Amino acid sequence: MVGDDLYDYARTVNSREDFIKFVEYLNEDYGQQQGQWENLTLGSYLGGLSAFATDMAGYYKNMGETVDVNTITWRMAAEMLLAATVYGS
């Protein structure tokens, strides 16, 4: 699973098992879609992750969702990892 399918899958992650599968898919996406990732080094990826975590309340507000960003769900964890692939730090 790569590309847009990965975004769709991230929104369905509701359990630890779903999250593990998502991380496996994300790793596959990294191998196949490196040109689509803006953050190819560990440092830039972690910077993107930190930046998204800082801004995620605004992200969910823009998506029309009300979430408690201080209580992370499996879905939110998946979306954070995915956002870090392209989010600028």
PDB file of N, CA and C in Angstrom:
ATOM      1  N   MET A   1       0.855  -1.171   0.000  1.00  0.00           N
ATOM      2  CA  MET A   1       0.000   0.000   0.000  1.00  0.00           C
ATOM      3  C   MET A   1       0.901   1.234   0.000  1.00  0.00           C
ATOM      4  N   VAL A   2       0.682   2.113  -0.944  1.00  0.00           N
ATOM      5  CA  VAL A   2       1.509   3.315  -1.056  1.00  0.00           C
ATOM      6  C   VAL A   2       0.652   4.499  -1.470  1.00  0.00           C
ATOM      7  N   GLY A   3       1.233   5.681  -1.356  1.00  0.00           N
ATOM      8  CA  GLY A   3       0.597   6.889  -1.845  1.00  0.00           C
ATOM      9  C   GLY A   3      -0.710   7.225  -1.154  1.00  0.00           C
ATOM     10  N   ASP A   4      -1.713   7.596  -1.966  1.00  0.00           N
ATOM     11  CA  ASP A   4      -3.003   8.029  -1.429  1.00  0.00           C
ATOM     12  C   ASP A   4      -3.700   6.945  -0.624  1.00  0.00           C
ATOM     13  N   ASP A   5      -3.503   5.685  -0.988  1.00  0.00           N
ATOM     14  CA  ASP A   5      -4.112   4.596  -0.223  1.00  0.00           C
ATOM     15  C   ASP A   5      -3.635   4.620   1.221  1.00  0.00           C
ATOM     16  N   LEU A   6      -2.408   5.027   1.427  1.00  0.00           N
ATOM     17  CA  LEU A   6      -1.851   5.088   2.772  1.00  0.00           C
ATOM     18  C   LEU A   6      -2.555   6.165   3.603  1.00  0.00           C
ATOM     19  N   TYR A   7      -2.873   7.284   2.980  1.00  0.00           N
ATOM     20  CA  TYR A   7      -3.618   8.339   3.683  1.00  0.00           C
ATOM     21  C   TYR A   7      -4.989   7.826   4.098  1.00  0.00           C
ATOM     22  N   ASP A   8      -5.651   7.125   3.192  1.00  0.00           N
ATOM     23  CA  ASP A   8      -6.966   6.561   3.510  1.00  0.00           C
ATOM     24  C   ASP A   8      -6.862   5.539   4.636  1.00  0.00           C
ATOM     25  N   TYR A   9      -5.841   4.698   4.587  1.00  0.00           N
ATOM     26  CA  TYR A   9      -5.681   3.667   5.610  1.00  0.00           C
ATOM     27  C   TYR A   9      -5.407   4.294   6.979  1.00  0.00           C
ATOM     28  N   ALA A  10      -4.596   5.342   7.016  1.00  0.00           N
ATOM     29  CA  ALA A  10      -4.266   5.992   8.293  1.00  0.00           C
ATOM     30  C   ALA A  10      -5.528   6.426   9.026  1.00  0.00           C
ATOM     31  N   ARG A  11      -6.529   6.862   8.290  1.00  0.00           N
ATOM     32  CA  ARG A  11      -7.773   7.332   8.907  1.00  0.00           C
ATOM     33  C   ARG A  11      -8.607   6.194   9.489  1.00  0.00           C
ATOM     34  N   THR A  12      -8.248   4.951   9.176  1.00  0.00           N
ATOM     35  CA  THR A  12      -9.008   3.805   9.694  1.00  0.00           C
ATOM     36  C   THR A  12      -8.295   3.096  10.842  1.00  0.00           C
ATOM     37  N   VAL A  13      -7.125   3.576  11.220  1.00  0.00           N
ATOM     38  CA  VAL A  13      -6.342   2.918  12.274  1.00  0.00           C
ATOM     39  C   VAL A  13      -7.035   3.137  13.621  1.00  0.00           C
ATOM     40  N   ASN A  14      -7.453   2.028  14.242  1.00  0.00           N
ATOM     41  CA  ASN A  14      -8.175   2.115  15.512  1.00  0.00           C
ATOM     42  C   ASN A  14      -7.608   1.219  16.601  1.00  0.00           C
ATOM     43  N   SER A  15      -6.608   0.421  16.283  1.00  0.00           N
ATOM     44  CA  SER A  15      -6.086  -0.531  17.264  1.00  0.00           C
ATOM     45  C   SER A  15      -4.573  -0.650  17.103  1.00  0.00           C
ATOM     46  N   ARG A  16      -3.970  -1.294  18.070  1.00  0.00           N
ATOM     47  CA  ARG A  16      -2.531  -1.549  18.013  1.00  0.00           C
ATOM     48  C   ARG A  16      -2.176  -2.355  16.775  1.00  0.00           C
ATOM     49  N   GLU A  17      -2.995  -3.351  16.468  1.00  0.00           N
ATOM     50  CA  GLU A  17      -2.752  -4.188  15.286  1.00  0.00           C
ATOM     51  C   GLU A  17      -2.837  -3.358  14.007  1.00  0.00           C
ATOM     52  N   ASP A  18      -3.847  -2.477  13.929  1.00  0.00           N
ATOM     53  CA  ASP A  18      -3.964  -1.579  12.771  1.00  0.00           C
ATOM     54  C   ASP A  18      -2.720  -0.700  12.652  1.00  0.00           C
ATOM     55  N   PHE A  19      -2.249  -0.195  13.790  1.00  0.00           N
ATOM     56  CA  PHE A  19      -1.091   0.690  13.795  1.00  0.00           C
ATOM     57  C   PHE A  19       0.161  -0.034  13.317  1.00  0.00           C
ATOM     58  N   ILE A  20       0.345  -1.257  13.787  1.00  0.00           N
ATOM     59  CA  ILE A  20       1.502  -2.048  13.354  1.00  0.00           C
ATOM     60  C   ILE A  20       1.465  -2.251  11.845  1.00  0.00           C
ATOM     61  N   LYS A  21       0.305  -2.593  11.320  1.00  0.00           N
ATOM     62  CA  LYS A  21       0.161  -2.783   9.877  1.00  0.00           C
ATOM     63  C   LYS A  21       0.426  -1.463   9.146  1.00  0.00           C
ATOM     64  N   PHE A  22      -0.077  -0.360   9.706  1.00  0.00           N
ATOM     65  CA  PHE A  22       0.165   0.942   9.099  1.00  0.00           C
ATOM     66  C   PHE A  22       1.665   1.232   9.010  1.00  0.00           C
ATOM     67  N   VAL A  23       2.399   0.974  10.092  1.00  0.00           N
ATOM     68  CA  VAL A  23       3.844   1.230  10.090  1.00  0.00           C
ATOM     69  C   VAL A  23       4.530   0.363   9.040  1.00  0.00           C
ATOM     70  N   GLU A  24       4.084  -0.869   8.879  1.00  0.00           N
ATOM     71  CA  GLU A  24       4.632  -1.728   7.822  1.00  0.00           C
ATOM     72  C   GLU A  24       4.349  -1.125   6.450  1.00  0.00           C
ATOM     73  N   TYR A  25       3.136  -0.629   6.240  1.00  0.00           N
ATOM     74  CA  TYR A  25       2.787   0.017   4.973  1.00  0.00           C
ATOM     75  C   TYR A  25       3.602   1.297   4.768  1.00  0.00           C
ATOM     76  N   LEU A  26       3.808   2.060   5.837  1.00  0.00           N
ATOM     77  CA  LEU A  26       4.590   3.288   5.739  1.00  0.00           C
ATOM     78  C   LEU A  26       6.026   2.976   5.329  1.00  0.00           C
ATOM     79  N   ASN A  27       6.581   1.926   5.882  1.00  0.00           N
ATOM     80  CA  ASN A  27       7.931   1.501   5.510  1.00  0.00           C
ATOM     81  C   ASN A  27       7.978   1.090   4.039  1.00  0.00           C
ATOM     82  N   GLU A  28       6.961   0.388   3.584  1.00  0.00           N
ATOM     83  CA  GLU A  28       6.864   0.007   2.167  1.00  0.00           C
ATOM     84  C   GLU A  28       6.780   1.256   1.289  1.00  0.00           C
ATOM     85  N   ASP A  29       5.979   2.225   1.717  1.00  0.00           N
ATOM     86  CA  ASP A  29       5.834   3.472   0.979  1.00  0.00           C
ATOM     87  C   ASP A  29       7.176   4.194   0.885  1.00  0.00           C
ATOM     88  N   TYR A  30       7.927   4.199   1.975  1.00  0.00           N
ATOM     89  CA  TYR A  30       9.245   4.835   1.968  1.00  0.00           C
ATOM     90  C   TYR A  30      10.139   4.204   0.906  1.00  0.00           C
ATOM     91  N   GLY A  31      10.111   2.899   0.812  1.00  0.00           N
ATOM     92  CA  GLY A  31      10.942   2.206  -0.166  1.00  0.00           C
ATOM     93  C   GLY A  31      10.522   2.461  -1.600  1.00  0.00           C
ATOM     94  N   GLN A  32       9.230   2.630  -1.827  1.00  0.00           N
ATOM     95  CA  GLN A  32       8.719   2.768  -3.189  1.00  0.00           C
ATOM     96  C   GLN A  32       8.488   4.212  -3.619  1.00  0.00           C
ATOM     97  N   GLN A  33       8.274   5.110  -2.677  1.00  0.00           N
ATOM     98  CA  GLN A  33       7.864   6.478  -3.013  1.00  0.00           C
ATOM     99  C   GLN A  33       8.814   7.529  -2.443  1.00  0.00           C
ATOM    100  N   GLN A  34      10.079   7.213  -2.330  1.00  0.00           N
ATOM    101  CA  GLN A  34      10.993   8.152  -1.687  1.00  0.00           C
ATOM    102  C   GLN A  34      10.933   9.540  -2.308  1.00  0.00           C
ATOM    103  N   GLY A  35      10.698   9.625  -3.598  1.00  0.00           N
ATOM    104  CA  GLY A  35      10.606  10.919  -4.252  1.00  0.00           C
ATOM    105  C   GLY A  35       9.426  11.741  -3.788  1.00  0.00           C
ATOM    106  N   GLN A  36       8.429  11.086  -3.203  1.00  0.00           N
ATOM    107  CA  GLN A  36       7.246  11.777  -2.706  1.00  0.00           C
ATOM    108  C   GLN A  36       7.440  12.269  -1.267  1.00  0.00           C
ATOM    109  N   TRP A  37       8.420  11.728  -0.599  1.00  0.00           N
ATOM    110  CA  TRP A  37       8.700  12.132   0.780  1.00  0.00           C
ATOM    111  C   TRP A  37       9.592  13.364   0.756  1.00  0.00           C
ATOM    112  N   GLU A  38       9.233  14.391   1.497  1.00  0.00           N
ATOM    113  CA  GLU A  38      10.098  15.562   1.613  1.00  0.00           C
ATOM    114  C   GLU A  38      11.178  15.341   2.662  1.00  0.00           C
ATOM    115  N   ASN A  39      10.884  14.549   3.673  1.00  0.00           N
ATOM    116  CA  ASN A  39      11.799  14.344   4.792  1.00  0.00           C
ATOM    117  C   ASN A  39      12.420  12.956   4.707  1.00  0.00           C
ATOM    118  N   LEU A  40      13.531  12.870   3.985  1.00  0.00           N
ATOM    119  CA  LEU A  40      14.165  11.574   3.724  1.00  0.00           C
ATOM    120  C   LEU A  40      15.200  11.172   4.766  1.00  0.00           C
ATOM    121  N   THR A  41      15.714  12.129   5.517  1.00  0.00           N
ATOM    122  CA  THR A  41      16.679  11.769   6.561  1.00  0.00           C
ATOM    123  C   THR A  41      15.938  11.637   7.887  1.00  0.00           C
ATOM    124  N   LEU A  42      16.527  10.910   8.813  1.00  0.00           N
ATOM    125  CA  LEU A  42      15.900  10.756  10.121  1.00  0.00           C
ATOM    126  C   LEU A  42      15.725  12.111  10.797  1.00  0.00           C
ATOM    127  N   GLY A  43      16.724  12.963  10.679  1.00  0.00           N
ATOM    128  CA  GLY A  43      16.646  14.282  11.296  1.00  0.00           C
ATOM    129  C   GLY A  43      15.508  15.122  10.746  1.00  0.00           C
ATOM    130  N   SER A  44      15.355  15.140   9.416  1.00  0.00           N
ATOM    131  CA  SER A  44      14.273  15.940   8.832  1.00  0.00           C
ATOM    132  C   SER A  44      12.912  15.310   9.122  1.00  0.00           C
ATOM    133  N   TYR A  45      12.856  13.978   9.160  1.00  0.00           N
ATOM    134  CA  TYR A  45      11.602  13.288   9.488  1.00  0.00           C
ATOM    135  C   TYR A  45      11.172  13.621  10.922  1.00  0.00           C
ATOM    136  N   LEU A  46      12.115  13.547  11.858  1.00  0.00           N
ATOM    137  CA  LEU A  46      11.786  13.863  13.251  1.00  0.00           C
ATOM    138  C   LEU A  46      11.430  15.340  13.407  1.00  0.00           C
ATOM    139  N   GLY A  47      12.079  16.199  12.642  1.00  0.00           N
ATOM    140  CA  GLY A  47      11.713  17.613  12.646  1.00  0.00           C
ATOM    141  C   GLY A  47      10.294  17.821  12.150  1.00  0.00           C
ATOM    142  N   GLY A  48       9.928  17.105  11.083  1.00  0.00           N
ATOM    143  CA  GLY A  48       8.563  17.173  10.570  1.00  0.00           C
ATOM    144  C   GLY A  48       7.558  16.640  11.574  1.00  0.00           C
ATOM    145  N   LEU A  49       7.933  15.574  12.263  1.00  0.00           N
ATOM    146  CA  LEU A  49       7.055  14.990  13.281  1.00  0.00           C
ATOM    147  C   LEU A  49       6.830  15.982  14.418  1.00  0.00           C
ATOM    148  N   SER A  50       7.895  16.609  14.862  1.00  0.00           N
ATOM    149  CA  SER A  50       7.785  17.604  15.925  1.00  0.00           C
ATOM    150  C   SER A  50       6.929  18.791  15.487  1.00  0.00           C
ATOM    151  N   ALA A  51       7.147  19.263  14.267  1.00  0.00           N
ATOM    152  CA  ALA A  51       6.379  20.400  13.755  1.00  0.00           C
ATOM    153  C   ALA A  51       4.900  20.055  13.635  1.00  0.00           C
ATOM    154  N   PHE A  52       4.598  18.852  13.138  1.00  0.00           N
ATOM    155  CA  PHE A  52       3.193  18.465  13.023  1.00  0.00           C
ATOM    156  C   PHE A  52       2.561  18.325  14.400  1.00  0.00           C
ATOM    157  N   ALA A  53       3.282  17.724  15.350  1.00  0.00           N
ATOM    158  CA  ALA A  53       2.743  17.573  16.707  1.00  0.00           C
ATOM    159  C   ALA A  53       2.435  18.944  17.315  1.00  0.00           C
ATOM    160  N   THR A  54       3.279  19.922  17.010  1.00  0.00           N
ATOM    161  CA  THR A  54       3.057  21.280  17.497  1.00  0.00           C
ATOM    162  C   THR A  54       1.807  21.893  16.876  1.00  0.00           C
ATOM    163  N   ASP A  55       1.593  21.642  15.591  1.00  0.00           N
ATOM    164  CA  ASP A  55       0.510  22.275  14.835  1.00  0.00           C
ATOM    165  C   ASP A  55      -0.745  21.421  14.687  1.00  0.00           C
ATOM    166  N   MET A  56      -0.774  20.222  15.272  1.00  0.00           N
ATOM    167  CA  MET A  56      -1.847  19.285  14.945  1.00  0.00           C
ATOM    168  C   MET A  56      -3.232  19.746  15.369  1.00  0.00           C
ATOM    169  N   ALA A  57      -3.360  20.578  16.377  1.00  0.00           N
ATOM    170  CA  ALA A  57      -4.685  21.079  16.747  1.00  0.00           C
ATOM    171  C   ALA A  57      -5.285  21.850  15.570  1.00  0.00           C
ATOM    172  N   GLY A  58      -4.462  22.648  14.909  1.00  0.00           N
ATOM    173  CA  GLY A  58      -4.922  23.388  13.738  1.00  0.00           C
ATOM    174  C   GLY A  58      -5.268  22.478  12.577  1.00  0.00           C
ATOM    175  N   TYR A  59      -4.488  21.414  12.400  1.00  0.00           N
ATOM    176  CA  TYR A  59      -4.770  20.449  11.334  1.00  0.00           C
ATOM    177  C   TYR A  59      -6.156  19.846  11.519  1.00  0.00           C
ATOM    178  N   TYR A  60      -6.433  19.360  12.716  1.00  0.00           N
ATOM    179  CA  TYR A  60      -7.733  18.724  12.949  1.00  0.00           C
ATOM    180  C   TYR A  60      -8.874  19.741  12.880  1.00  0.00           C
ATOM    181  N   LYS A  61      -8.629  20.962  13.326  1.00  0.00           N
ATOM    182  CA  LYS A  61      -9.646  22.012  13.212  1.00  0.00           C
ATOM    183  C   LYS A  61      -9.956  22.275  11.741  1.00  0.00           C
ATOM    184  N   ASN A  62      -8.913  22.370  10.903  1.00  0.00           N
ATOM    185  CA  ASN A  62      -9.108  22.591   9.468  1.00  0.00           C
ATOM    186  C   ASN A  62      -9.833  21.431   8.802  1.00  0.00           C
ATOM    187  N   MET A  63      -9.682  20.232   9.367  1.00  0.00           N
ATOM    188  CA  MET A  63     -10.364  19.050   8.830  1.00  0.00           C
ATOM    189  C   MET A  63     -11.799  18.954   9.357  1.00  0.00           C
ATOM    190  N   GLY A  64     -12.188  19.898  10.216  1.00  0.00           N
ATOM    191  CA  GLY A  64     -13.541  19.894  10.773  1.00  0.00           C
ATOM    192  C   GLY A  64     -13.736  18.869  11.874  1.00  0.00           C
ATOM    193  N   GLU A  65     -12.647  18.471  12.513  1.00  0.00           N
ATOM    194  CA  GLU A  65     -12.717  17.463  13.568  1.00  0.00           C
ATOM    195  C   GLU A  65     -12.379  18.088  14.912  1.00  0.00           C
ATOM    196  N   THR A  66     -13.084  17.655  15.930  1.00  0.00           N
ATOM    197  CA  THR A  66     -12.786  18.074  17.290  1.00  0.00           C
ATOM    198  C   THR A  66     -12.117  16.908  17.991  1.00  0.00           C
ATOM    199  N   VAL A  67     -10.854  17.069  18.311  1.00  0.00           N
ATOM    200  CA  VAL A  67     -10.107  16.011  18.991  1.00  0.00           C
ATOM    201  C   VAL A  67      -9.336  16.619  20.154  1.00  0.00           C
ATOM    202  N   ASP A  68      -9.049  15.801  21.139  1.00  0.00           N
ATOM    203  CA  ASP A  68      -8.198  16.199  22.250  1.00  0.00           C
ATOM    204  C   ASP A  68      -6.768  15.825  21.871  1.00  0.00           C
ATOM    205  N   VAL A  69      -5.982  16.811  21.486  1.00  0.00           N
ATOM    206  CA  VAL A  69      -4.623  16.523  21.022  1.00  0.00           C
ATOM    207  C   VAL A  69      -3.695  16.113  22.161  1.00  0.00           C
ATOM    208  N   ASN A  70      -4.183  16.165  23.384  1.00  0.00           N
ATOM    209  CA  ASN A  70      -3.396  15.704  24.529  1.00  0.00           C
ATOM    210  C   ASN A  70      -3.660  14.244  24.854  1.00  0.00           C
ATOM    211  N   THR A  71      -4.609  13.647  24.166  1.00  0.00           N
ATOM    212  CA  THR A  71      -4.914  12.228  24.329  1.00  0.00           C
ATOM    213  C   THR A  71      -4.806  11.583  22.957  1.00  0.00           C
ATOM    214  N   ILE A  72      -3.668  11.000  22.675  1.00  0.00           N
ATOM    215  CA  ILE A  72      -3.367  10.465  21.348  1.00  0.00           C
ATOM    216  C   ILE A  72      -4.031   9.106  21.152  1.00  0.00           C
ATOM    217  N   THR A  73      -4.696   8.959  20.018  1.00  0.00           N
ATOM    218  CA  THR A  73      -5.282   7.676  19.631  1.00  0.00           C
ATOM    219  C   THR A  73      -4.340   6.982  18.653  1.00  0.00           C
ATOM    220  N   TRP A  74      -4.601   5.713  18.387  1.00  0.00           N
ATOM    221  CA  TRP A  74      -3.805   4.981  17.391  1.00  0.00           C
ATOM    222  C   TRP A  74      -3.900   5.678  16.037  1.00  0.00           C
ATOM    223  N   ARG A  75      -5.081   6.146  15.696  1.00  0.00           N
ATOM    224  CA  ARG A  75      -5.262   6.852  14.418  1.00  0.00           C
ATOM    225  C   ARG A  75      -4.404   8.114  14.381  1.00  0.00           C
ATOM    226  N   MET A  76      -4.426   8.887  15.454  1.00  0.00           N
ATOM    227  CA  MET A  76      -3.636  10.113  15.489  1.00  0.00           C
ATOM    228  C   MET A  76      -2.146   9.809  15.393  1.00  0.00           C
ATOM    229  N   ALA A  77      -1.709   8.740  16.035  1.00  0.00           N
ATOM    230  CA  ALA A  77      -0.296   8.350  15.950  1.00  0.00           C
ATOM    231  C   ALA A  77       0.070   8.027  14.505  1.00  0.00           C
ATOM    232  N   ALA A  78      -0.803   7.306  13.813  1.00  0.00           N
ATOM    233  CA  ALA A  78      -0.554   6.976  12.406  1.00  0.00           C
ATOM    234  C   ALA A  78      -0.512   8.240  11.559  1.00  0.00           C
ATOM    235  N   GLU A  79      -1.459   9.141  11.792  1.00  0.00           N
ATOM    236  CA  GLU A  79      -1.493  10.378  11.011  1.00  0.00           C
ATOM    237  C   GLU A  79      -0.268  11.248  11.292  1.00  0.00           C
ATOM    238  N   MET A  80       0.227  11.215  12.520  1.00  0.00           N
ATOM    239  CA  MET A  80       1.443  11.967  12.839  1.00  0.00           C
ATOM    240  C   MET A  80       2.640  11.415  12.077  1.00  0.00           C
ATOM    241  N   LEU A  81       2.782  10.092  12.068  1.00  0.00           N
ATOM    242  CA  LEU A  81       3.904   9.482  11.346  1.00  0.00           C
ATOM    243  C   LEU A  81       3.818   9.777   9.852  1.00  0.00           C
ATOM    244  N   LEU A  82       2.615   9.730   9.312  1.00  0.00           N
ATOM    245  CA  LEU A  82       2.436   9.996   7.888  1.00  0.00           C
ATOM    246  C   LEU A  82       2.704  11.466   7.568  1.00  0.00           C
ATOM    247  N   ALA A  83       2.190  12.358   8.394  1.00  0.00           N
ATOM    248  CA  ALA A  83       2.406  13.789   8.162  1.00  0.00           C
ATOM    249  C   ALA A  83       3.890  14.135   8.193  1.00  0.00           C
ATOM    250  N   ALA A  84       4.638  13.448   9.034  1.00  0.00           N
ATOM    251  CA  ALA A  84       6.073  13.729   9.162  1.00  0.00           C
ATOM    252  C   ALA A  84       6.844  13.461   7.881  1.00  0.00           C
ATOM    253  N   THR A  85       6.264  12.707   6.956  1.00  0.00           N
ATOM    254  CA  THR A  85       6.956  12.434   5.697  1.00  0.00           C
ATOM    255  C   THR A  85       7.064  13.684   4.833  1.00  0.00           C
ATOM    256  N   VAL A  86       6.143  14.630   5.024  1.00  0.00           N
ATOM    257  CA  VAL A  86       6.111  15.811   4.162  1.00  0.00           C
ATOM    258  C   VAL A  86       6.056  17.131   4.918  1.00  0.00           C
ATOM    259  N   TYR A  87       5.781  17.094   6.203  1.00  0.00           N
ATOM    260  CA  TYR A  87       5.575  18.319   6.977  1.00  0.00           C
ATOM    261  C   TYR A  87       6.898  19.018   7.225  1.00  0.00           C
ATOM    262  N   GLY A  88       6.940  20.309   6.974  1.00  0.00           N
ATOM    263  CA  GLY A  88       8.166  21.073   7.164  1.00  0.00           C
ATOM    264  C   GLY A  88       8.418  21.414   8.616  1.00  0.00           C
ATOM    265  N   SER A  89       9.676  21.398   8.978  1.00  0.00           N
ATOM    266  CA  SER A  89      10.015  21.745  10.369  1.00  0.00           C
ATOM    267  C   SER A  89      10.459  23.184  10.471  1.00  0.00           C
TER     268      SER A  89
END
